[in-house]
């Protein structure tokens, strides 16, 4: 158990889920930053290539996070079904 803001008690799994959300938001923010830099006038061809590679990497990372989130959602659903089966 962990204590959060205001003394609220959080289960470690909940904290991990929240960190996952933060990571997804951070990646999206980084993508936006790269897109903005790419649209700046006077950017060198070398810098464009570097930023394009970074953008590709971030988009792949975002997709991996989306898949992980989907997997966790499916696992949670299976656990809930198993819990219902055991209670019944």
PDB file of N, CA and C in Angstrom:
ATOM      1  N   UNK A   1       0.832  -1.184   0.000  1.00  0.00           N
ATOM      2  CA  UNK A   1       0.000   0.000   0.000  1.00  0.00           C
ATOM      3  C   UNK A   1       0.878   1.250   0.000  1.00  0.00           C
ATOM      4  N   UNK A   2       0.409   2.266  -0.703  1.00  0.00           N
ATOM      5  CA  UNK A   2       1.136   3.527  -0.780  1.00  0.00           C
ATOM      6  C   UNK A   2       0.200   4.658  -0.380  1.00  0.00           C
ATOM      7  N   UNK A   3       0.783   5.692   0.162  1.00  0.00           N
ATOM      8  CA  UNK A   3      -0.009   6.859   0.513  1.00  0.00           C
ATOM      9  C   UNK A   3       0.143   7.913  -0.566  1.00  0.00           C
ATOM     10  N   UNK A   4      -0.980   8.354  -1.101  1.00  0.00           N
ATOM     11  CA  UNK A   4      -0.970   9.350  -2.163  1.00  0.00           C
ATOM     12  C   UNK A   4      -1.237  10.732  -1.608  1.00  0.00           C
ATOM     13  N   UNK A   5      -1.595  11.630  -2.492  1.00  0.00           N
ATOM     14  CA  UNK A   5      -1.899  13.006  -2.108  1.00  0.00           C
ATOM     15  C   UNK A   5      -3.056  13.026  -1.126  1.00  0.00           C
ATOM     16  N   UNK A   6      -2.952  13.833  -0.105  1.00  0.00           N
ATOM     17  CA  UNK A   6      -4.024  13.941   0.871  1.00  0.00           C
ATOM     18  C   UNK A   6      -4.108  12.737   1.789  1.00  0.00           C
ATOM     19  N   UNK A   7      -3.072  11.902   1.823  1.00  0.00           N
ATOM     20  CA  UNK A   7      -3.065  10.742   2.699  1.00  0.00           C
ATOM     21  C   UNK A   7      -3.883   9.575   2.188  1.00  0.00           C
ATOM     22  N   UNK A   8      -4.378   9.661   0.965  1.00  0.00           N
ATOM     23  CA  UNK A   8      -5.174   8.565   0.403  1.00  0.00           C
ATOM     24  C   UNK A   8      -4.296   7.338   0.223  1.00  0.00           C
ATOM     25  N   UNK A   9      -4.852   6.183   0.511  1.00  0.00           N
ATOM     26  CA  UNK A   9      -4.111   4.938   0.374  1.00  0.00           C
ATOM     27  C   UNK A   9      -4.375   4.370  -1.012  1.00  0.00           C
ATOM     28  N   UNK A  10      -3.285   4.027  -1.716  1.00  0.00           N
ATOM     29  CA  UNK A  10      -3.403   3.468  -3.054  1.00  0.00           C
ATOM     30  C   UNK A  10      -2.764   2.099  -3.088  1.00  0.00           C
ATOM     31  N   UNK A  11      -3.399   1.198  -3.753  1.00  0.00           N
ATOM     32  CA  UNK A  11      -2.833  -0.128  -3.972  1.00  0.00           C
ATOM     33  C   UNK A  11      -1.704   0.019  -4.986  1.00  0.00           C
ATOM     34  N   UNK A  12      -0.597  -0.740  -4.843  1.00  0.00           N
ATOM     35  CA  UNK A  12       0.522  -0.607  -5.792  1.00  0.00           C
ATOM     36  C   UNK A  12       0.114  -0.786  -7.248  1.00  0.00           C
ATOM     37  N   UNK A  13      -0.830  -1.674  -7.519  1.00  0.00           N
ATOM     38  CA  UNK A  13      -1.271  -1.898  -8.900  1.00  0.00           C
ATOM     39  C   UNK A  13      -1.915  -0.633  -9.466  1.00  0.00           C
ATOM     40  N   UNK A  14      -2.701   0.055  -8.621  1.00  0.00           N
ATOM     41  CA  UNK A  14      -3.332   1.297  -9.074  1.00  0.00           C
ATOM     42  C   UNK A  14      -2.271   2.336  -9.431  1.00  0.00           C
ATOM     43  N   UNK A  15      -1.233   2.406  -8.635  1.00  0.00           N
ATOM     44  CA  UNK A  15      -0.162   3.361  -8.910  1.00  0.00           C
ATOM     45  C   UNK A  15       0.503   3.033 -10.239  1.00  0.00           C
ATOM     46  N   UNK A  16       0.696   1.752 -10.513  1.00  0.00           N
ATOM     47  CA  UNK A  16       1.315   1.339 -11.771  1.00  0.00           C
ATOM     48  C   UNK A  16       0.424   1.739 -12.947  1.00  0.00           C
ATOM     49  N   UNK A  17      -0.880   1.530 -12.816  1.00  0.00           N
ATOM     50  CA  UNK A  17      -1.807   1.908 -13.881  1.00  0.00           C
ATOM     51  C   UNK A  17      -1.754   3.411 -14.134  1.00  0.00           C
ATOM     52  N   UNK A  18      -1.685   4.189 -13.072  1.00  0.00           N
ATOM     53  CA  UNK A  18      -1.638   5.638 -13.208  1.00  0.00           C
ATOM     54  C   UNK A  18      -0.348   6.053 -13.908  1.00  0.00           C
ATOM     55  N   UNK A  19       0.766   5.415 -13.561  1.00  0.00           N
ATOM     56  CA  UNK A  19       2.027   5.726 -14.223  1.00  0.00           C
ATOM     57  C   UNK A  19       1.929   5.421 -15.714  1.00  0.00           C
ATOM     58  N   UNK A  20       1.248   4.347 -16.071  1.00  0.00           N
ATOM     59  CA  UNK A  20       1.061   3.997 -17.474  1.00  0.00           C
ATOM     60  C   UNK A  20       0.327   5.083 -18.227  1.00  0.00           C
ATOM     61  N   UNK A  21      -0.683   5.637 -17.597  1.00  0.00           N
ATOM     62  CA  UNK A  21      -1.435   6.727 -18.212  1.00  0.00           C
ATOM     63  C   UNK A  21      -0.522   7.934 -18.394  1.00  0.00           C
ATOM     64  N   UNK A  22       0.248   8.260 -17.370  1.00  0.00           N
ATOM     65  CA  UNK A  22       1.175   9.384 -17.467  1.00  0.00           C
ATOM     66  C   UNK A  22       2.154   9.177 -18.618  1.00  0.00           C
ATOM     67  N   UNK A  23       2.656   7.969 -18.764  1.00  0.00           N
ATOM     68  CA  UNK A  23       3.608   7.668 -19.821  1.00  0.00           C
ATOM     69  C   UNK A  23       2.976   7.910 -21.186  1.00  0.00           C
ATOM     70  N   UNK A  24       1.753   7.463 -21.362  1.00  0.00           N
ATOM     71  CA  UNK A  24       1.046   7.646 -22.621  1.00  0.00           C
ATOM     72  C   UNK A  24       0.869   9.135 -22.929  1.00  0.00           C
ATOM     73  N   UNK A  25       0.533   9.884 -21.921  1.00  0.00           N
ATOM     74  CA  UNK A  25       0.351  11.324 -22.093  1.00  0.00           C
ATOM     75  C   UNK A  25       1.685  11.986 -22.436  1.00  0.00           C
ATOM     76  N   UNK A  26       2.756  11.552 -21.774  1.00  0.00           N
ATOM     77  CA  UNK A  26       4.078  12.117 -22.051  1.00  0.00           C
ATOM     78  C   UNK A  26       4.508  11.834 -23.490  1.00  0.00           C
ATOM     79  N   UNK A  27       4.253  10.621 -23.960  1.00  0.00           N
ATOM     80  CA  UNK A  27       4.626  10.258 -25.331  1.00  0.00           C
ATOM     81  C   UNK A  27       3.854  11.121 -26.321  1.00  0.00           C
ATOM     82  N   UNK A  28       2.563  11.285 -26.091  1.00  0.00           N
ATOM     83  CA  UNK A  28       1.752  12.122 -26.981  1.00  0.00           C
ATOM     84  C   UNK A  28       2.275  13.558 -26.984  1.00  0.00           C
ATOM     85  N   UNK A  29       2.647  14.051 -25.824  1.00  0.00           N
ATOM     86  CA  UNK A  29       3.198  15.401 -25.715  1.00  0.00           C
ATOM     87  C   UNK A  29       4.508  15.521 -26.492  1.00  0.00           C
ATOM     88  N   UNK A  30       5.347  14.492 -26.411  1.00  0.00           N
ATOM     89  CA  UNK A  30       6.612  14.502 -27.143  1.00  0.00           C
ATOM     90  C   UNK A  30       6.373  14.486 -28.652  1.00  0.00           C
ATOM     91  N   UNK A  31       5.368  13.747 -29.094  1.00  0.00           N
ATOM     92  CA  UNK A  31       5.034  13.706 -30.523  1.00  0.00           C
ATOM     93  C   UNK A  31       4.640  15.103 -31.001  1.00  0.00           C
ATOM     94  N   UNK A  32       3.815  15.777 -30.221  1.00  0.00           N
ATOM     95  CA  UNK A  32       3.383  17.129 -30.581  1.00  0.00           C
ATOM     96  C   UNK A  32       4.589  18.072 -30.657  1.00  0.00           C
ATOM     97  N   UNK A  33       5.502  17.958 -29.692  1.00  0.00           N
ATOM     98  CA  UNK A  33       6.705  18.802 -29.707  1.00  0.00           C
ATOM     99  C   UNK A  33       7.523  18.573 -30.980  1.00  0.00           C
ATOM    100  N   UNK A  34       7.701  17.308 -31.352  1.00  0.00           N
ATOM    101  CA  UNK A  34       8.475  16.979 -32.548  1.00  0.00           C
ATOM    102  C   UNK A  34       7.780  17.530 -33.791  1.00  0.00           C
ATOM    103  N   UNK A  35       6.456  17.373 -33.867  1.00  0.00           N
ATOM    104  CA  UNK A  35       5.707  17.893 -35.015  1.00  0.00           C
ATOM    105  C   UNK A  35       5.876  19.406 -35.131  1.00  0.00           C
ATOM    106  N   UNK A  36       5.844  20.098 -33.977  1.00  0.00           N
ATOM    107  CA  UNK A  36       6.018  21.553 -33.987  1.00  0.00           C
ATOM    108  C   UNK A  36       7.408  21.936 -34.488  1.00  0.00           C
ATOM    109  N   UNK A  37       8.430  21.221 -34.023  1.00  0.00           N
ATOM    110  CA  UNK A  37       9.802  21.511 -34.459  1.00  0.00           C
ATOM    111  C   UNK A  37       9.965  21.251 -35.954  1.00  0.00           C
ATOM    112  N   UNK A  38       9.313  20.185 -36.444  1.00  0.00           N
ATOM    113  CA  UNK A  38       9.403  19.859 -37.873  1.00  0.00           C
ATOM    114  C   UNK A  38       8.773  20.940 -38.745  1.00  0.00           C
ATOM    115  N   UNK A  39       7.794  21.645 -38.204  1.00  0.00           N
ATOM    116  CA  UNK A  39       7.102  22.662 -38.998  1.00  0.00           C
ATOM    117  C   UNK A  39       7.779  24.036 -38.922  1.00  0.00           C
ATOM    118  N   UNK A  40       8.838  24.143 -38.118  1.00  0.00           N
ATOM    119  CA  UNK A  40       9.547  25.421 -38.006  1.00  0.00           C
ATOM    120  C   UNK A  40      10.286  25.733 -39.308  1.00  0.00           C
ATOM    121  N   UNK A  41      10.253  26.998 -39.735  1.00  0.00           N
ATOM    122  CA  UNK A  41      10.987  27.370 -40.956  1.00  0.00           C
ATOM    123  C   UNK A  41      12.495  27.358 -40.711  1.00  0.00           C
ATOM    124  N   UNK A  42      13.242  27.057 -41.761  1.00  0.00           N
ATOM    125  CA  UNK A  42      14.697  27.113 -41.686  1.00  0.00           C
ATOM    126  C   UNK A  42      15.361  25.927 -41.014  1.00  0.00           C
ATOM    127  N   UNK A  43      14.624  24.853 -40.808  1.00  0.00           N
ATOM    128  CA  UNK A  43      15.195  23.670 -40.163  1.00  0.00           C
ATOM    129  C   UNK A  43      16.062  22.919 -41.180  1.00  0.00           C
ATOM    130  N   UNK A  44      17.216  22.460 -40.742  1.00  0.00           N
ATOM    131  CA  UNK A  44      18.142  21.774 -41.655  1.00  0.00           C
ATOM    132  C   UNK A  44      17.601  20.391 -42.037  1.00  0.00           C
ATOM    133  N   UNK A  45      18.069  19.906 -43.166  1.00  0.00           N
ATOM    134  CA  UNK A  45      17.643  18.580 -43.642  1.00  0.00           C
ATOM    135  C   UNK A  45      18.062  17.500 -42.639  1.00  0.00           C
ATOM    136  N   UNK A  46      19.238  17.665 -42.079  1.00  0.00           N
ATOM    137  CA  UNK A  46      19.739  16.711 -41.083  1.00  0.00           C
ATOM    138  C   UNK A  46      18.827  16.677 -39.854  1.00  0.00           C
ATOM    139  N   UNK A  47      18.417  17.859 -39.397  1.00  0.00           N
ATOM    140  CA  UNK A  47      17.526  17.959 -38.237  1.00  0.00           C
ATOM    141  C   UNK A  47      16.154  17.374 -38.572  1.00  0.00           C
ATOM    142  N   UNK A  48      15.665  17.602 -39.786  1.00  0.00           N
ATOM    143  CA  UNK A  48      14.384  17.017 -40.209  1.00  0.00           C
ATOM    144  C   UNK A  48      14.438  15.499 -40.145  1.00  0.00           C
ATOM    145  N   UNK A  49      15.531  14.923 -40.633  1.00  0.00           N
ATOM    146  CA  UNK A  49      15.680  13.468 -40.612  1.00  0.00           C
ATOM    147  C   UNK A  49      15.728  12.947 -39.181  1.00  0.00           C
ATOM    148  N   UNK A  50      16.479  13.641 -38.329  1.00  0.00           N
ATOM    149  CA  UNK A  50      16.586  13.224 -36.932  1.00  0.00           C
ATOM    150  C   UNK A  50      15.224  13.279 -36.242  1.00  0.00           C
ATOM    151  N   UNK A  51      14.505  14.369 -36.455  1.00  0.00           N
ATOM    152  CA  UNK A  51      13.190  14.531 -35.840  1.00  0.00           C
ATOM    153  C   UNK A  51      12.174  13.539 -36.403  1.00  0.00           C
ATOM    154  N   UNK A  52      12.263  13.250 -37.691  1.00  0.00           N
ATOM    155  CA  UNK A  52      11.353  12.272 -38.299  1.00  0.00           C
ATOM    156  C   UNK A  52      11.567  10.889 -37.696  1.00  0.00           C
ATOM    157  N   UNK A  53      12.836  10.527 -37.479  1.00  0.00           N
ATOM    158  CA  UNK A  53      13.139   9.240 -36.841  1.00  0.00           C
ATOM    159  C   UNK A  53      12.595   9.208 -35.416  1.00  0.00           C
ATOM    160  N   UNK A  54      12.762  10.322 -34.707  1.00  0.00           N
ATOM    161  CA  UNK A  54      12.255  10.405 -33.337  1.00  0.00           C
ATOM    162  C   UNK A  54      10.735  10.280 -33.328  1.00  0.00           C
ATOM    163  N   UNK A  55      10.078  10.937 -34.277  1.00  0.00           N
ATOM    164  CA  UNK A  55       8.620  10.870 -34.369  1.00  0.00           C
ATOM    165  C   UNK A  55       8.167   9.437 -34.644  1.00  0.00           C
ATOM    166  N   UNK A  56       8.840   8.747 -35.559  1.00  0.00           N
ATOM    167  CA  UNK A  56       8.510   7.345 -35.844  1.00  0.00           C
ATOM    168  C   UNK A  56       8.646   6.491 -34.588  1.00  0.00           C
ATOM    169  N   UNK A  57       9.757   6.686 -33.870  1.00  0.00           N
ATOM    170  CA  UNK A  57       9.995   5.936 -32.636  1.00  0.00           C
ATOM    171  C   UNK A  57       8.880   6.194 -31.621  1.00  0.00           C
ATOM    172  N   UNK A  58       8.513   7.462 -31.437  1.00  0.00           N
ATOM    173  CA  UNK A  58       7.477   7.816 -30.465  1.00  0.00           C
ATOM    174  C   UNK A  58       6.119   7.239 -30.859  1.00  0.00           C
ATOM    175  N   UNK A  59       5.816   7.241 -32.148  1.00  0.00           N
ATOM    176  CA  UNK A  59       4.541   6.669 -32.596  1.00  0.00           C
ATOM    177  C   UNK A  59       4.499   5.162 -32.346  1.00  0.00           C
ATOM    178  N   UNK A  60       5.625   4.491 -32.553  1.00  0.00           N
ATOM    179  CA  UNK A  60       5.695   3.053 -32.262  1.00  0.00           C
ATOM    180  C   UNK A  60       5.528   2.809 -30.764  1.00  0.00           C
ATOM    181  N   UNK A  61       6.165   3.648 -29.967  1.00  0.00           N
ATOM    182  CA  UNK A  61       6.054   3.526 -28.511  1.00  0.00           C
ATOM    183  C   UNK A  61       4.608   3.745 -28.072  1.00  0.00           C
ATOM    184  N   UNK A  62       3.950   4.724 -28.677  1.00  0.00           N
ATOM    185  CA  UNK A  62       2.549   5.004 -28.354  1.00  0.00           C
ATOM    186  C   UNK A  62       1.678   3.793 -28.682  1.00  0.00           C
ATOM    187  N   UNK A  63       1.937   3.159 -29.815  1.00  0.00           N
ATOM    188  CA  UNK A  63       1.178   1.970 -30.212  1.00  0.00           C
ATOM    189  C   UNK A  63       1.434   0.822 -29.237  1.00  0.00           C
ATOM    190  N   UNK A  64       2.680   0.659 -28.803  1.00  0.00           N
ATOM    191  CA  UNK A  64       2.995  -0.385 -27.821  1.00  0.00           C
ATOM    192  C   UNK A  64       2.241  -0.141 -26.520  1.00  0.00           C
ATOM    193  N   UNK A  65       2.185   1.102 -26.087  1.00  0.00           N
ATOM    194  CA  UNK A  65       1.455   1.440 -24.866  1.00  0.00           C
ATOM    195  C   UNK A  65      -0.035   1.163 -25.025  1.00  0.00           C
ATOM    196  N   UNK A  66      -0.570   1.471 -26.201  1.00  0.00           N
ATOM    197  CA  UNK A  66      -1.990   1.213 -26.453  1.00  0.00           C
ATOM    198  C   UNK A  66      -2.279  -0.281 -26.375  1.00  0.00           C
ATOM    199  N   UNK A  67      -1.393  -1.088 -26.975  1.00  0.00           N
ATOM    200  CA  UNK A  67      -1.570  -2.539 -26.940  1.00  0.00           C
ATOM    201  C   UNK A  67      -1.459  -3.069 -25.514  1.00  0.00           C
ATOM    202  N   UNK A  68      -0.515  -2.533 -24.741  1.00  0.00           N
ATOM    203  CA  UNK A  68      -0.343  -2.954 -23.350  1.00  0.00           C
ATOM    204  C   UNK A  68      -1.582  -2.606 -22.544  1.00  0.00           C
ATOM    205  N   UNK A  69      -2.137  -1.423 -22.774  1.00  0.00           N
ATOM    206  CA  UNK A  69      -3.349  -0.998 -22.081  1.00  0.00           C
ATOM    207  C   UNK A  69      -4.506  -1.935 -22.424  1.00  0.00           C
ATOM    208  N   UNK A  70      -4.615  -2.292 -23.693  1.00  0.00           N
ATOM    209  CA  UNK A  70      -5.660  -3.213 -24.131  1.00  0.00           C
ATOM    210  C   UNK A  70      -5.479  -4.578 -23.468  1.00  0.00           C
ATOM    211  N   UNK A  71      -4.239  -5.049 -23.400  1.00  0.00           N
ATOM    212  CA  UNK A  71      -3.943  -6.334 -22.773  1.00  0.00           C
ATOM    213  C   UNK A  71      -4.319  -6.304 -21.286  1.00  0.00           C
ATOM    214  N   UNK A  72      -3.977  -5.226 -20.600  1.00  0.00           N
ATOM    215  CA  UNK A  72      -4.315  -5.102 -19.183  1.00  0.00           C
ATOM    216  C   UNK A  72      -5.822  -5.065 -18.978  1.00  0.00           C
ATOM    217  N   UNK A  73      -6.525  -4.397 -19.875  1.00  0.00           N
ATOM    218  CA  UNK A  73      -7.984  -4.335 -19.794  1.00  0.00           C
ATOM    219  C   UNK A  73      -8.583  -5.735 -19.945  1.00  0.00           C
ATOM    220  N   UNK A  74      -8.044  -6.513 -20.903  1.00  0.00           N
ATOM    221  CA  UNK A  74      -8.529  -7.881 -21.117  1.00  0.00           C
ATOM    222  C   UNK A  74      -8.227  -8.763 -19.912  1.00  0.00           C
ATOM    223  N   UNK A  75      -7.031  -8.612 -19.330  1.00  0.00           N
ATOM    224  CA  UNK A  75      -6.673  -9.386 -18.139  1.00  0.00           C
ATOM    225  C   UNK A  75      -7.604  -9.050 -16.985  1.00  0.00           C
ATOM    226  N   UNK A  76      -7.915  -7.785 -16.820  1.00  0.00           N
ATOM    227  CA  UNK A  76      -8.816  -7.357 -15.752  1.00  0.00           C
ATOM    228  C   UNK A  76     -10.198  -7.971 -15.947  1.00  0.00           C
ATOM    229  N   UNK A  77     -10.673  -7.983 -17.185  1.00  0.00           N
ATOM    230  CA  UNK A  77     -11.969  -8.577 -17.486  1.00  0.00           C
ATOM    231  C   UNK A  77     -11.972 -10.066 -17.161  1.00  0.00           C
ATOM    232  N   UNK A  78     -10.905 -10.767 -17.537  1.00  0.00           N
ATOM    233  CA  UNK A  78     -10.806 -12.198 -17.229  1.00  0.00           C
ATOM    234  C   UNK A  78     -10.792 -12.439 -15.724  1.00  0.00           C
ATOM    235  N   UNK A  79     -10.083 -11.601 -14.989  1.00  0.00           N
ATOM    236  CA  UNK A  79     -10.043 -11.743 -13.533  1.00  0.00           C
ATOM    237  C   UNK A  79     -11.418 -11.505 -12.917  1.00  0.00           C
ATOM    238  N   UNK A  80     -12.140 -10.524 -13.434  1.00  0.00           N
ATOM    239  CA  UNK A  80     -13.493 -10.264 -12.930  1.00  0.00           C
ATOM    240  C   UNK A  80     -14.420 -11.438 -13.211  1.00  0.00           C
ATOM    241  N   UNK A  81     -14.303 -12.016 -14.408  1.00  0.00           N
ATOM    242  CA  UNK A  81     -15.122 -13.182 -14.750  1.00  0.00           C
ATOM    243  C   UNK A  81     -14.781 -14.357 -13.845  1.00  0.00           C
ATOM    244  N   UNK A  82     -13.495 -14.564 -13.580  1.00  0.00           N
ATOM    245  CA  UNK A  82     -13.057 -15.650 -12.705  1.00  0.00           C
ATOM    246  C   UNK A  82     -13.567 -15.422 -11.284  1.00  0.00           C
ATOM    247  N   UNK A  83     -13.522 -14.191 -10.827  1.00  0.00           N
ATOM    248  CA  UNK A  83     -14.017 -13.856  -9.489  1.00  0.00           C
ATOM    249  C   UNK A  83     -15.511 -14.144  -9.395  1.00  0.00           C
ATOM    250  N   UNK A  84     -16.275 -13.743 -10.416  1.00  0.00           N
ATOM    251  CA  UNK A  84     -17.716 -14.007 -10.435  1.00  0.00           C
ATOM    252  C   UNK A  84     -17.990 -15.504 -10.418  1.00  0.00           C
ATOM    253  N   UNK A  85     -17.184 -16.264 -11.161  1.00  0.00           N
ATOM    254  CA  UNK A  85     -17.364 -17.713 -11.221  1.00  0.00           C
ATOM    255  C   UNK A  85     -17.102 -18.339  -9.853  1.00  0.00           C
ATOM    256  N   UNK A  86     -16.082 -17.865  -9.155  1.00  0.00           N
ATOM    257  CA  UNK A  86     -15.743 -18.415  -7.849  1.00  0.00           C
ATOM    258  C   UNK A  86     -16.781 -18.049  -6.795  1.00  0.00           C
ATOM    259  N   UNK A  87     -17.368 -16.870  -6.916  1.00  0.00           N
ATOM    260  CA  UNK A  87     -18.376 -16.423  -5.955  1.00  0.00           C
ATOM    261  C   UNK A  87     -19.684 -17.177  -6.164  1.00  0.00           C
ATOM    262  N   UNK A  88     -19.988 -17.510  -7.419  1.00  0.00           N
ATOM    263  CA  UNK A  88     -21.262 -18.170  -7.745  1.00  0.00           C
ATOM    264  C   UNK A  88     -21.323 -19.605  -7.273  1.00  0.00           C
TER     265      UNK A  88
END
